[in-house]
N, C-alpha and C. Protein backbone atom coordinates (compact mmCIF):
# COMPACT_ATOMS: atom_id res chain seq x y z
N UNK A 1 -19.61 112.17 207.09
CA UNK A 1 -18.19 112.33 206.76
C UNK A 1 -18.04 113.41 205.69
N UNK A 2 -17.04 114.24 205.85
CA UNK A 2 -16.73 115.27 204.87
C UNK A 2 -16.25 114.62 203.58
N UNK A 3 -16.57 115.25 202.45
CA UNK A 3 -16.23 114.67 201.15
C UNK A 3 -14.75 114.40 200.97
N UNK A 4 -13.89 115.33 201.41
CA UNK A 4 -12.45 115.13 201.26
C UNK A 4 -11.96 113.98 202.13
N UNK A 5 -12.56 113.82 203.31
CA UNK A 5 -12.19 112.69 204.16
C UNK A 5 -12.59 111.37 203.50
N UNK A 6 -13.71 111.37 202.82
CA UNK A 6 -14.14 110.15 202.12
C UNK A 6 -13.13 109.74 201.06
N UNK A 7 -12.57 110.72 200.35
CA UNK A 7 -11.55 110.42 199.34
C UNK A 7 -10.31 109.84 200.02
N UNK A 8 -9.91 110.43 201.14
CA UNK A 8 -8.70 109.96 201.82
C UNK A 8 -8.89 108.59 202.46
N UNK A 9 -10.08 108.32 202.96
CA UNK A 9 -10.29 107.12 203.77
C UNK A 9 -10.91 105.95 203.02
N UNK A 10 -11.40 106.18 201.80
CA UNK A 10 -11.99 105.07 201.06
C UNK A 10 -10.93 104.03 200.75
N UNK A 11 -11.20 102.79 201.09
CA UNK A 11 -10.30 101.70 200.82
C UNK A 11 -11.09 100.51 200.29
N UNK A 12 -10.41 99.60 199.62
CA UNK A 12 -11.08 98.40 199.11
C UNK A 12 -11.14 97.36 200.22
N UNK A 13 -12.35 97.11 200.69
CA UNK A 13 -12.58 96.17 201.79
C UNK A 13 -12.96 94.81 201.21
N UNK A 14 -12.38 93.76 201.74
CA UNK A 14 -12.63 92.41 201.22
C UNK A 14 -13.62 91.61 202.05
N UNK A 15 -13.77 91.98 203.33
CA UNK A 15 -14.62 91.18 204.21
C UNK A 15 -15.71 92.05 204.82
N UNK A 16 -16.95 91.69 204.50
CA UNK A 16 -18.11 92.46 204.96
C UNK A 16 -18.94 91.66 205.96
N UNK A 17 -19.68 92.37 206.79
CA UNK A 17 -20.61 91.75 207.73
C UNK A 17 -21.81 91.23 206.94
N UNK A 18 -21.97 89.91 206.81
CA UNK A 18 -23.07 89.37 206.00
C UNK A 18 -24.45 89.58 206.61
N UNK A 19 -24.49 89.96 207.89
CA UNK A 19 -25.78 90.16 208.56
C UNK A 19 -26.26 91.60 208.54
N UNK A 20 -25.41 92.50 208.04
CA UNK A 20 -25.79 93.91 208.02
C UNK A 20 -26.62 94.22 206.78
N UNK A 21 -27.71 94.95 206.97
CA UNK A 21 -28.60 95.32 205.85
C UNK A 21 -28.59 96.83 205.65
N UNK A 22 -28.40 97.25 204.43
CA UNK A 22 -28.55 98.65 204.06
C UNK A 22 -30.01 98.86 203.68
N UNK A 23 -30.61 99.92 204.18
CA UNK A 23 -32.04 100.14 203.92
C UNK A 23 -32.29 100.45 202.45
N UNK A 24 -33.51 100.18 202.01
CA UNK A 24 -33.90 100.48 200.63
C UNK A 24 -33.73 101.96 200.32
N UNK A 25 -34.06 102.83 201.29
CA UNK A 25 -33.92 104.27 201.08
C UNK A 25 -32.45 104.66 200.87
N UNK A 26 -31.55 104.02 201.63
CA UNK A 26 -30.13 104.32 201.48
C UNK A 26 -29.62 103.82 200.13
N UNK A 27 -30.09 102.65 199.72
CA UNK A 27 -29.68 102.12 198.41
C UNK A 27 -30.14 103.05 197.30
N UNK A 28 -31.37 103.52 197.41
CA UNK A 28 -31.88 104.44 196.38
C UNK A 28 -31.08 105.73 196.37
N UNK A 29 -30.72 106.23 197.55
CA UNK A 29 -29.92 107.45 197.62
C UNK A 29 -28.54 107.24 197.00
N UNK A 30 -27.90 106.13 197.33
CA UNK A 30 -26.58 105.84 196.77
C UNK A 30 -26.61 105.78 195.25
N UNK A 31 -27.59 105.08 194.71
CA UNK A 31 -27.67 104.94 193.26
C UNK A 31 -28.10 106.24 192.59
N UNK A 32 -28.96 107.01 193.27
CA UNK A 32 -29.37 108.30 192.72
C UNK A 32 -28.18 109.25 192.63
N UNK A 33 -27.30 109.20 193.63
CA UNK A 33 -26.09 110.02 193.57
C UNK A 33 -25.19 109.59 192.42
N UNK A 34 -25.11 108.28 192.18
CA UNK A 34 -24.29 107.78 191.07
C UNK A 34 -24.82 108.26 189.73
N UNK A 35 -26.13 108.45 189.64
CA UNK A 35 -26.73 108.92 188.39
C UNK A 35 -26.35 110.36 188.06
N UNK A 36 -25.74 111.05 189.01
CA UNK A 36 -25.28 112.42 188.75
C UNK A 36 -23.90 112.45 188.12
N UNK A 37 -23.29 111.29 187.93
CA UNK A 37 -21.95 111.21 187.33
C UNK A 37 -21.98 111.71 185.89
N UNK A 38 -20.88 112.30 185.44
CA UNK A 38 -20.84 112.79 184.06
C UNK A 38 -20.66 111.68 183.03
N UNK A 39 -21.22 111.90 181.85
CA UNK A 39 -20.98 111.03 180.70
C UNK A 39 -20.84 111.91 179.46
N UNK A 40 -20.11 111.42 178.46
CA UNK A 40 -19.94 112.17 177.21
C UNK A 40 -21.30 112.41 176.56
N UNK A 41 -21.54 113.64 176.16
CA UNK A 41 -22.80 114.03 175.52
C UNK A 41 -24.01 113.71 176.38
N UNK A 42 -23.80 113.49 177.67
CA UNK A 42 -24.89 113.21 178.61
C UNK A 42 -25.69 111.97 178.23
N UNK A 43 -25.05 110.98 177.59
CA UNK A 43 -25.82 109.81 177.13
C UNK A 43 -26.11 108.81 178.24
N UNK A 44 -25.50 108.99 179.41
CA UNK A 44 -25.85 108.19 180.59
C UNK A 44 -25.91 106.70 180.24
N UNK A 45 -24.82 106.21 179.69
CA UNK A 45 -24.80 104.85 179.15
C UNK A 45 -24.56 103.78 180.20
N UNK A 46 -24.38 104.17 181.47
CA UNK A 46 -24.23 103.16 182.51
C UNK A 46 -25.58 102.56 182.90
N UNK A 47 -25.50 101.31 183.35
CA UNK A 47 -26.68 100.62 183.90
C UNK A 47 -26.23 99.94 185.19
N UNK A 48 -27.01 100.08 186.25
CA UNK A 48 -26.65 99.58 187.57
C UNK A 48 -27.54 98.39 187.92
N UNK A 49 -27.00 97.20 187.86
CA UNK A 49 -27.77 96.00 188.17
C UNK A 49 -27.55 95.63 189.63
N UNK A 50 -28.60 95.81 190.44
CA UNK A 50 -28.55 95.45 191.86
C UNK A 50 -28.90 93.97 191.98
N UNK A 51 -27.99 93.21 192.55
CA UNK A 51 -28.20 91.77 192.69
C UNK A 51 -28.50 91.47 194.15
N UNK A 52 -29.74 91.06 194.44
CA UNK A 52 -30.11 90.74 195.81
C UNK A 52 -30.70 89.34 195.97
N UNK A 53 -30.74 88.56 194.90
CA UNK A 53 -31.19 87.17 195.01
C UNK A 53 -30.03 86.32 195.55
N UNK A 54 -30.20 85.66 196.70
CA UNK A 54 -29.10 84.86 197.28
C UNK A 54 -28.53 83.81 196.32
N UNK A 55 -29.40 83.12 195.59
CA UNK A 55 -28.92 82.08 194.67
C UNK A 55 -28.06 82.68 193.57
N UNK A 56 -28.50 83.80 193.01
CA UNK A 56 -27.73 84.45 191.96
C UNK A 56 -26.40 84.97 192.51
N UNK A 57 -26.41 85.48 193.72
CA UNK A 57 -25.16 85.92 194.35
C UNK A 57 -24.18 84.75 194.45
N UNK A 58 -24.67 83.60 194.85
CA UNK A 58 -23.81 82.41 194.96
C UNK A 58 -23.25 82.02 193.59
N UNK A 59 -24.08 82.10 192.57
CA UNK A 59 -23.63 81.75 191.22
C UNK A 59 -22.59 82.76 190.72
N UNK A 60 -22.80 84.03 191.02
CA UNK A 60 -21.83 85.05 190.63
C UNK A 60 -20.51 84.86 191.38
N UNK A 61 -20.61 84.47 192.63
CA UNK A 61 -19.39 84.19 193.41
C UNK A 61 -18.62 83.03 192.78
N UNK A 62 -19.33 81.98 192.38
CA UNK A 62 -18.66 80.83 191.74
C UNK A 62 -18.00 81.24 190.43
N UNK A 63 -18.58 82.23 189.74
CA UNK A 63 -18.02 82.71 188.47
C UNK A 63 -16.94 83.76 188.68
N UNK A 64 -16.62 84.02 189.93
CA UNK A 64 -15.68 85.09 190.25
C UNK A 64 -14.58 84.64 191.21
N UNK A 65 -14.16 83.39 191.05
CA UNK A 65 -13.07 82.89 191.87
C UNK A 65 -13.40 82.80 193.35
N UNK A 66 -14.68 82.63 193.67
CA UNK A 66 -15.13 82.50 195.06
C UNK A 66 -14.76 83.70 195.93
N UNK A 67 -14.82 84.88 195.35
CA UNK A 67 -14.57 86.09 196.13
C UNK A 67 -15.74 86.32 197.09
N UNK A 68 -15.44 86.33 198.39
CA UNK A 68 -16.49 86.32 199.40
C UNK A 68 -17.31 87.60 199.45
N UNK A 69 -16.75 88.70 198.95
CA UNK A 69 -17.48 89.97 198.98
C UNK A 69 -18.83 89.85 198.28
N UNK A 70 -18.89 89.01 197.25
CA UNK A 70 -20.09 88.94 196.42
C UNK A 70 -21.29 88.45 197.22
N UNK A 71 -21.09 87.50 198.09
CA UNK A 71 -22.21 87.00 198.90
C UNK A 71 -22.36 87.73 200.22
N UNK A 72 -21.27 88.30 200.75
CA UNK A 72 -21.31 88.85 202.11
C UNK A 72 -21.62 90.33 202.19
N UNK A 73 -21.47 91.06 201.10
CA UNK A 73 -21.74 92.50 201.15
C UNK A 73 -23.24 92.75 201.28
N UNK A 74 -23.59 93.94 201.73
CA UNK A 74 -25.00 94.32 201.86
C UNK A 74 -25.62 94.70 200.51
N UNK A 75 -24.81 95.28 199.66
CA UNK A 75 -25.29 95.74 198.35
C UNK A 75 -24.26 95.35 197.29
N UNK A 76 -24.71 94.59 196.30
CA UNK A 76 -23.85 94.22 195.18
C UNK A 76 -24.42 94.85 193.91
N UNK A 77 -23.59 95.66 193.26
CA UNK A 77 -24.00 96.33 192.03
C UNK A 77 -23.08 95.86 190.90
N UNK A 78 -23.66 95.33 189.85
CA UNK A 78 -22.91 95.02 188.63
C UNK A 78 -23.08 96.22 187.71
N UNK A 79 -22.01 96.93 187.48
CA UNK A 79 -22.08 98.13 186.64
C UNK A 79 -21.79 97.74 185.20
N UNK A 80 -22.78 97.97 184.37
CA UNK A 80 -22.71 97.62 182.95
C UNK A 80 -22.90 98.88 182.12
N UNK A 81 -22.71 98.75 180.82
CA UNK A 81 -22.92 99.89 179.94
C UNK A 81 -23.68 99.46 178.70
N UNK A 82 -24.60 100.30 178.28
CA UNK A 82 -25.30 100.13 177.03
C UNK A 82 -24.44 100.75 175.93
N UNK A 83 -23.80 99.91 175.12
CA UNK A 83 -22.88 100.40 174.10
C UNK A 83 -23.59 101.19 173.00
N UNK A 84 -24.88 101.01 172.89
CA UNK A 84 -25.63 101.69 171.84
C UNK A 84 -26.52 102.80 172.38
N UNK A 85 -26.27 103.23 173.61
CA UNK A 85 -27.08 104.29 174.20
C UNK A 85 -27.08 105.55 173.34
N UNK A 86 -25.99 105.77 172.62
CA UNK A 86 -25.85 106.97 171.80
C UNK A 86 -26.91 107.07 170.70
N UNK A 87 -27.48 105.92 170.28
CA UNK A 87 -28.45 105.96 169.20
C UNK A 87 -29.88 105.67 169.64
N UNK A 88 -30.11 105.50 170.93
CA UNK A 88 -31.45 105.16 171.44
C UNK A 88 -32.16 106.42 171.90
N UNK A 89 -32.94 107.01 170.99
CA UNK A 89 -33.68 108.25 171.26
C UNK A 89 -32.79 109.31 171.91
N UNK A 90 -31.71 109.71 171.24
CA UNK A 90 -30.74 110.61 171.87
C UNK A 90 -31.30 111.97 172.25
N UNK A 91 -32.43 112.36 171.66
CA UNK A 91 -33.00 113.65 172.01
C UNK A 91 -33.41 113.73 173.48
N UNK A 92 -33.67 112.56 174.10
CA UNK A 92 -34.08 112.58 175.51
C UNK A 92 -32.96 113.03 176.43
N UNK A 93 -31.71 112.90 176.01
CA UNK A 93 -30.59 113.31 176.85
C UNK A 93 -30.47 114.83 176.95
N UNK A 94 -31.14 115.53 176.04
CA UNK A 94 -31.04 116.99 176.00
C UNK A 94 -32.42 117.65 176.02
N UNK A 95 -33.42 116.91 176.50
CA UNK A 95 -34.81 117.40 176.41
C UNK A 95 -35.06 118.68 177.21
N UNK A 96 -34.27 118.93 178.26
CA UNK A 96 -34.49 120.12 179.09
C UNK A 96 -33.60 121.30 178.69
N UNK A 97 -32.77 121.10 177.67
CA UNK A 97 -31.90 122.17 177.20
C UNK A 97 -32.67 123.11 176.28
N UNK A 98 -32.20 124.33 176.12
CA UNK A 98 -32.84 125.24 175.14
C UNK A 98 -32.84 124.61 173.75
N UNK A 99 -33.82 124.97 172.96
CA UNK A 99 -33.99 124.38 171.63
C UNK A 99 -32.75 124.53 170.76
N UNK A 100 -32.11 125.68 170.81
CA UNK A 100 -30.93 125.88 169.97
C UNK A 100 -29.78 124.97 170.39
N UNK A 101 -29.68 124.68 171.69
CA UNK A 101 -28.65 123.76 172.18
C UNK A 101 -28.98 122.33 171.73
N UNK A 102 -30.24 121.94 171.82
CA UNK A 102 -30.66 120.62 171.36
C UNK A 102 -30.31 120.41 169.89
N UNK A 103 -30.54 121.40 169.08
CA UNK A 103 -30.30 121.27 167.64
C UNK A 103 -28.82 121.08 167.33
N UNK A 104 -27.96 121.57 168.19
CA UNK A 104 -26.52 121.40 168.00
C UNK A 104 -26.06 120.06 168.56
N UNK A 105 -26.48 119.76 169.80
CA UNK A 105 -25.91 118.63 170.53
C UNK A 105 -26.43 117.27 170.06
N UNK A 106 -27.69 117.15 169.80
CA UNK A 106 -28.26 115.83 169.47
C UNK A 106 -27.62 115.25 168.20
N UNK A 107 -27.51 115.99 167.11
CA UNK A 107 -26.84 115.42 165.92
C UNK A 107 -25.37 115.08 166.16
N UNK A 108 -24.72 115.81 167.05
CA UNK A 108 -23.31 115.56 167.31
C UNK A 108 -23.07 114.18 167.94
N UNK A 109 -24.07 113.67 168.63
CA UNK A 109 -23.91 112.36 169.29
C UNK A 109 -23.63 111.29 168.25
N UNK A 110 -24.47 111.23 167.22
CA UNK A 110 -24.28 110.23 166.16
C UNK A 110 -22.98 110.47 165.41
N UNK A 111 -22.68 111.73 165.12
CA UNK A 111 -21.45 112.04 164.40
C UNK A 111 -20.23 111.55 165.16
N UNK A 112 -20.27 111.63 166.47
CA UNK A 112 -19.13 111.26 167.31
C UNK A 112 -18.97 109.75 167.42
N UNK A 113 -20.07 109.02 167.61
CA UNK A 113 -20.00 107.60 167.94
C UNK A 113 -20.22 106.62 166.78
N UNK A 114 -20.96 107.02 165.78
CA UNK A 114 -21.54 106.06 164.82
C UNK A 114 -20.53 105.13 164.17
N UNK A 115 -19.39 105.62 163.77
CA UNK A 115 -18.47 104.82 162.97
C UNK A 115 -17.25 104.32 163.76
N UNK A 116 -17.34 104.33 165.08
CA UNK A 116 -16.18 103.96 165.87
C UNK A 116 -16.59 103.08 167.05
N UNK A 117 -16.59 101.76 166.81
CA UNK A 117 -16.99 100.82 167.86
C UNK A 117 -16.03 100.83 169.05
N UNK A 118 -14.76 101.04 168.78
CA UNK A 118 -13.80 101.11 169.89
C UNK A 118 -14.10 102.30 170.78
N UNK A 119 -14.43 103.42 170.17
CA UNK A 119 -14.78 104.62 170.94
C UNK A 119 -16.04 104.37 171.77
N UNK A 120 -17.01 103.68 171.18
CA UNK A 120 -18.24 103.36 171.92
C UNK A 120 -17.90 102.60 173.20
N UNK A 121 -17.02 101.60 173.07
CA UNK A 121 -16.65 100.80 174.24
C UNK A 121 -15.77 101.61 175.21
N UNK A 122 -14.81 102.33 174.69
CA UNK A 122 -13.93 103.13 175.55
C UNK A 122 -14.74 104.13 176.36
N UNK A 123 -15.67 104.79 175.70
CA UNK A 123 -16.48 105.80 176.39
C UNK A 123 -17.37 105.15 177.44
N UNK A 124 -17.87 103.95 177.13
CA UNK A 124 -18.70 103.22 178.09
C UNK A 124 -17.90 102.90 179.35
N UNK A 125 -16.66 102.42 179.17
CA UNK A 125 -15.83 102.07 180.32
C UNK A 125 -15.44 103.30 181.12
N UNK A 126 -15.15 104.40 180.44
CA UNK A 126 -14.85 105.64 181.16
C UNK A 126 -16.04 106.05 182.01
N UNK A 127 -17.23 106.02 181.41
CA UNK A 127 -18.43 106.43 182.12
C UNK A 127 -18.69 105.56 183.33
N UNK A 128 -18.54 104.25 183.16
CA UNK A 128 -18.77 103.31 184.27
C UNK A 128 -17.75 103.51 185.38
N UNK A 129 -16.51 103.78 185.02
CA UNK A 129 -15.49 104.01 186.03
C UNK A 129 -15.78 105.24 186.87
N UNK A 130 -16.22 106.31 186.21
CA UNK A 130 -16.57 107.53 186.94
C UNK A 130 -17.75 107.26 187.87
N UNK A 131 -18.76 106.56 187.36
CA UNK A 131 -19.94 106.26 188.16
C UNK A 131 -19.61 105.37 189.35
N UNK A 132 -18.70 104.41 189.14
CA UNK A 132 -18.29 103.52 190.23
C UNK A 132 -17.61 104.32 191.34
N UNK A 133 -16.77 105.25 190.96
CA UNK A 133 -16.09 106.06 191.98
C UNK A 133 -17.10 106.94 192.72
N UNK A 134 -18.07 107.49 192.01
CA UNK A 134 -19.12 108.27 192.67
C UNK A 134 -19.85 107.40 193.68
N UNK A 135 -20.19 106.17 193.27
CA UNK A 135 -20.90 105.25 194.15
C UNK A 135 -20.07 104.94 195.40
N UNK A 136 -18.79 104.66 195.23
CA UNK A 136 -17.95 104.28 196.37
C UNK A 136 -17.69 105.46 197.31
N UNK A 137 -17.49 106.64 196.76
CA UNK A 137 -17.28 107.81 197.62
C UNK A 137 -18.57 108.19 198.35
N UNK A 138 -19.70 108.05 197.67
CA UNK A 138 -20.98 108.31 198.33
C UNK A 138 -21.20 107.32 199.47
N UNK A 139 -20.86 106.05 199.21
CA UNK A 139 -21.00 105.04 200.25
C UNK A 139 -20.13 105.38 201.45
N UNK A 140 -18.88 105.79 201.22
CA UNK A 140 -17.99 106.13 202.32
C UNK A 140 -18.53 107.31 203.10
N UNK A 141 -19.06 108.30 202.41
CA UNK A 141 -19.63 109.47 203.06
C UNK A 141 -20.80 109.07 203.96
N UNK A 142 -21.53 108.03 203.56
CA UNK A 142 -22.68 107.55 204.33
C UNK A 142 -22.29 106.52 205.39
N UNK A 143 -20.99 106.26 205.53
CA UNK A 143 -20.53 105.36 206.58
C UNK A 143 -20.35 103.92 206.17
N UNK A 144 -20.34 103.66 204.85
CA UNK A 144 -20.18 102.29 204.35
C UNK A 144 -18.83 102.12 203.66
N UNK A 145 -18.42 100.87 203.58
CA UNK A 145 -17.18 100.53 202.88
C UNK A 145 -17.52 99.88 201.54
N UNK A 146 -16.51 99.75 200.70
CA UNK A 146 -16.78 99.25 199.35
C UNK A 146 -15.58 98.55 198.77
N UNK A 147 -15.82 97.87 197.66
CA UNK A 147 -14.74 97.20 196.94
C UNK A 147 -15.10 97.13 195.46
N UNK A 148 -14.32 97.76 194.58
CA UNK A 148 -14.52 97.57 193.15
C UNK A 148 -13.92 96.22 192.77
N UNK A 149 -14.59 95.48 191.90
CA UNK A 149 -14.18 94.11 191.65
C UNK A 149 -14.12 93.76 190.18
N UNK A 150 -13.06 93.04 189.81
CA UNK A 150 -13.02 92.33 188.54
C UNK A 150 -12.70 90.88 188.88
N UNK A 151 -11.95 90.19 188.06
CA UNK A 151 -11.62 88.81 188.37
C UNK A 151 -12.79 87.86 188.23
N UNK A 152 -13.70 88.19 187.31
CA UNK A 152 -14.85 87.32 187.07
C UNK A 152 -14.83 86.81 185.64
N UNK A 153 -15.53 85.72 185.42
CA UNK A 153 -15.70 85.14 184.08
C UNK A 153 -16.79 85.94 183.38
N UNK A 154 -16.37 86.83 182.50
CA UNK A 154 -17.32 87.74 181.87
C UNK A 154 -18.44 87.05 181.12
N UNK A 155 -18.11 86.00 180.40
CA UNK A 155 -19.13 85.29 179.62
C UNK A 155 -20.15 84.62 180.54
N UNK A 156 -19.66 84.02 181.62
CA UNK A 156 -20.56 83.36 182.56
C UNK A 156 -21.44 84.38 183.29
N UNK A 157 -20.84 85.48 183.71
CA UNK A 157 -21.63 86.53 184.38
C UNK A 157 -22.69 87.08 183.44
N UNK A 158 -22.30 87.31 182.18
CA UNK A 158 -23.27 87.81 181.20
C UNK A 158 -24.44 86.86 181.06
N UNK A 159 -24.15 85.57 181.05
CA UNK A 159 -25.20 84.56 180.96
C UNK A 159 -26.11 84.60 182.20
N UNK A 160 -25.51 84.68 183.36
CA UNK A 160 -26.27 84.64 184.61
C UNK A 160 -27.20 85.85 184.75
N UNK A 161 -26.73 87.03 184.34
CA UNK A 161 -27.54 88.23 184.52
C UNK A 161 -28.36 88.56 183.27
N UNK A 162 -28.29 87.69 182.26
CA UNK A 162 -29.02 87.88 181.01
C UNK A 162 -28.69 89.24 180.38
N UNK A 163 -27.39 89.48 180.26
CA UNK A 163 -26.91 90.75 179.72
C UNK A 163 -27.33 90.91 178.27
N UNK A 164 -27.94 92.03 177.91
CA UNK A 164 -28.29 92.25 176.49
C UNK A 164 -27.05 92.25 175.60
N UNK A 165 -27.22 91.88 174.35
CA UNK A 165 -26.09 91.74 173.41
C UNK A 165 -25.34 93.05 173.21
N UNK A 166 -26.04 94.16 173.31
CA UNK A 166 -25.40 95.45 173.05
C UNK A 166 -24.91 96.13 174.33
N UNK A 167 -24.74 95.34 175.39
CA UNK A 167 -24.21 95.85 176.65
C UNK A 167 -22.87 95.17 176.96
N UNK A 168 -22.08 95.79 177.82
CA UNK A 168 -20.86 95.16 178.34
C UNK A 168 -20.80 95.36 179.84
N UNK A 169 -20.04 94.49 180.49
CA UNK A 169 -19.86 94.57 181.94
C UNK A 169 -18.59 95.34 182.23
N UNK A 170 -18.67 96.31 183.11
CA UNK A 170 -17.49 97.07 183.51
C UNK A 170 -16.87 96.48 184.78
N UNK A 171 -17.63 96.39 185.84
CA UNK A 171 -17.10 95.89 187.12
C UNK A 171 -18.25 95.61 188.07
N UNK A 172 -17.93 94.94 189.18
CA UNK A 172 -18.83 94.83 190.31
C UNK A 172 -18.39 95.89 191.33
N UNK A 173 -19.35 96.37 192.12
CA UNK A 173 -19.03 97.15 193.31
C UNK A 173 -19.78 96.54 194.48
N UNK A 174 -19.03 96.11 195.49
CA UNK A 174 -19.60 95.55 196.72
C UNK A 174 -19.58 96.62 197.79
N UNK A 175 -20.69 96.76 198.52
CA UNK A 175 -20.82 97.80 199.54
C UNK A 175 -21.40 97.19 200.81
N UNK A 176 -20.90 97.63 201.95
CA UNK A 176 -21.45 97.15 203.22
C UNK A 176 -20.63 97.65 204.38
N UNK A 177 -20.75 96.93 205.51
CA UNK A 177 -19.99 97.25 206.72
C UNK A 177 -18.81 96.29 206.82
N UNK A 178 -17.62 96.85 206.95
CA UNK A 178 -16.42 96.03 207.02
C UNK A 178 -16.38 95.21 208.30
N UNK A 179 -15.99 93.95 208.17
CA UNK A 179 -15.76 93.12 209.35
C UNK A 179 -14.42 93.44 209.99
N UNK A 180 -13.45 93.83 209.17
CA UNK A 180 -12.15 94.24 209.68
C UNK A 180 -11.60 95.30 208.74
N UNK A 181 -10.77 96.17 209.26
CA UNK A 181 -10.28 97.27 208.42
C UNK A 181 -9.39 96.78 207.30
N UNK A 182 -9.32 97.60 206.27
CA UNK A 182 -8.42 97.29 205.16
C UNK A 182 -6.98 97.36 205.66
N UNK A 183 -6.09 96.65 204.97
CA UNK A 183 -4.67 96.72 205.29
C UNK A 183 -4.15 98.13 204.99
N UNK A 184 -2.98 98.41 205.54
CA UNK A 184 -2.33 99.68 205.21
C UNK A 184 -2.08 99.73 203.70
N UNK A 185 -2.03 100.93 203.15
CA UNK A 185 -1.77 101.07 201.72
C UNK A 185 -0.45 100.38 201.37
N UNK A 186 -0.49 99.59 200.32
CA UNK A 186 0.62 98.68 200.04
C UNK A 186 1.87 99.37 199.51
N UNK A 187 1.72 100.51 198.88
CA UNK A 187 2.90 101.17 198.33
C UNK A 187 2.52 102.22 197.30
N UNK A 188 2.18 103.41 197.77
CA UNK A 188 1.82 104.50 196.87
C UNK A 188 3.06 105.01 196.14
N UNK A 189 2.96 105.19 194.85
CA UNK A 189 4.07 105.79 194.10
C UNK A 189 4.23 107.25 194.50
N UNK A 190 5.43 107.75 194.34
CA UNK A 190 5.73 109.14 194.71
C UNK A 190 4.95 110.10 193.82
N UNK A 191 4.50 111.19 194.39
CA UNK A 191 3.78 112.23 193.65
C UNK A 191 4.55 112.63 192.39
N UNK A 192 5.85 112.80 192.55
CA UNK A 192 6.68 113.28 191.43
C UNK A 192 6.76 112.28 190.29
N UNK A 193 6.53 111.01 190.57
CA UNK A 193 6.59 110.00 189.53
C UNK A 193 5.34 109.98 188.66
N UNK A 194 4.20 110.31 189.24
CA UNK A 194 2.94 110.15 188.53
C UNK A 194 2.29 111.46 188.11
N UNK A 195 2.74 112.57 188.68
CA UNK A 195 2.19 113.88 188.30
C UNK A 195 3.21 114.57 187.44
N UNK A 196 2.86 114.78 186.16
CA UNK A 196 3.77 115.40 185.20
C UNK A 196 3.19 116.73 184.73
N UNK A 197 3.96 117.47 184.02
CA UNK A 197 3.47 118.77 183.56
C UNK A 197 3.78 118.97 182.08
N UNK A 198 2.75 119.11 181.31
CA UNK A 198 2.81 119.44 179.89
C UNK A 198 3.26 118.30 178.98
N UNK A 199 4.38 117.69 179.24
CA UNK A 199 4.89 116.62 178.37
C UNK A 199 5.61 115.55 179.18
N UNK A 200 5.73 114.36 178.60
CA UNK A 200 6.46 113.28 179.25
C UNK A 200 7.97 113.44 179.10
N UNK A 201 8.40 114.09 178.05
CA UNK A 201 9.84 114.23 177.79
C UNK A 201 10.47 115.24 178.73
């Protein structure tokens, strides 16, 4: 599928074929494409937790209002973020850059994030959102459907997946083969209402 068609045709699918399996090579390709997503200062603070244990899937479903996508999709990814990625050996994020660029960029990471916990979290969520969209569009291009998901008990999910204290959960992404097509778009706002120029006034 052409990339622009994937953008137009990607929809949130709720019902997946539970018997369909995505190959390990395809899963690796999907996640490798997601790793190309941009992040501030290249800190790559997203973490992609692939959940393939049936029992854990059932427990996550119970913690998520019994949303069937969690157990029935072929690939379930819990997208999380390391809130402290900015301070964990930050030189590795710029190791292939010229030395003069490294000397400028690496110190800037701490200067930007160190004293602003809200910014750390905001940037983590931005990064995860971009990565999730990359994952879903890549899946559509490869012939798969997807669904970004919230509506889960964050504390319970954190317990089930043994989330580190310095991480947060952004969303789930369910991927697989749709059992039935998504409904028609429910009501897109007019272009003129949401696209503005220069100022709101």
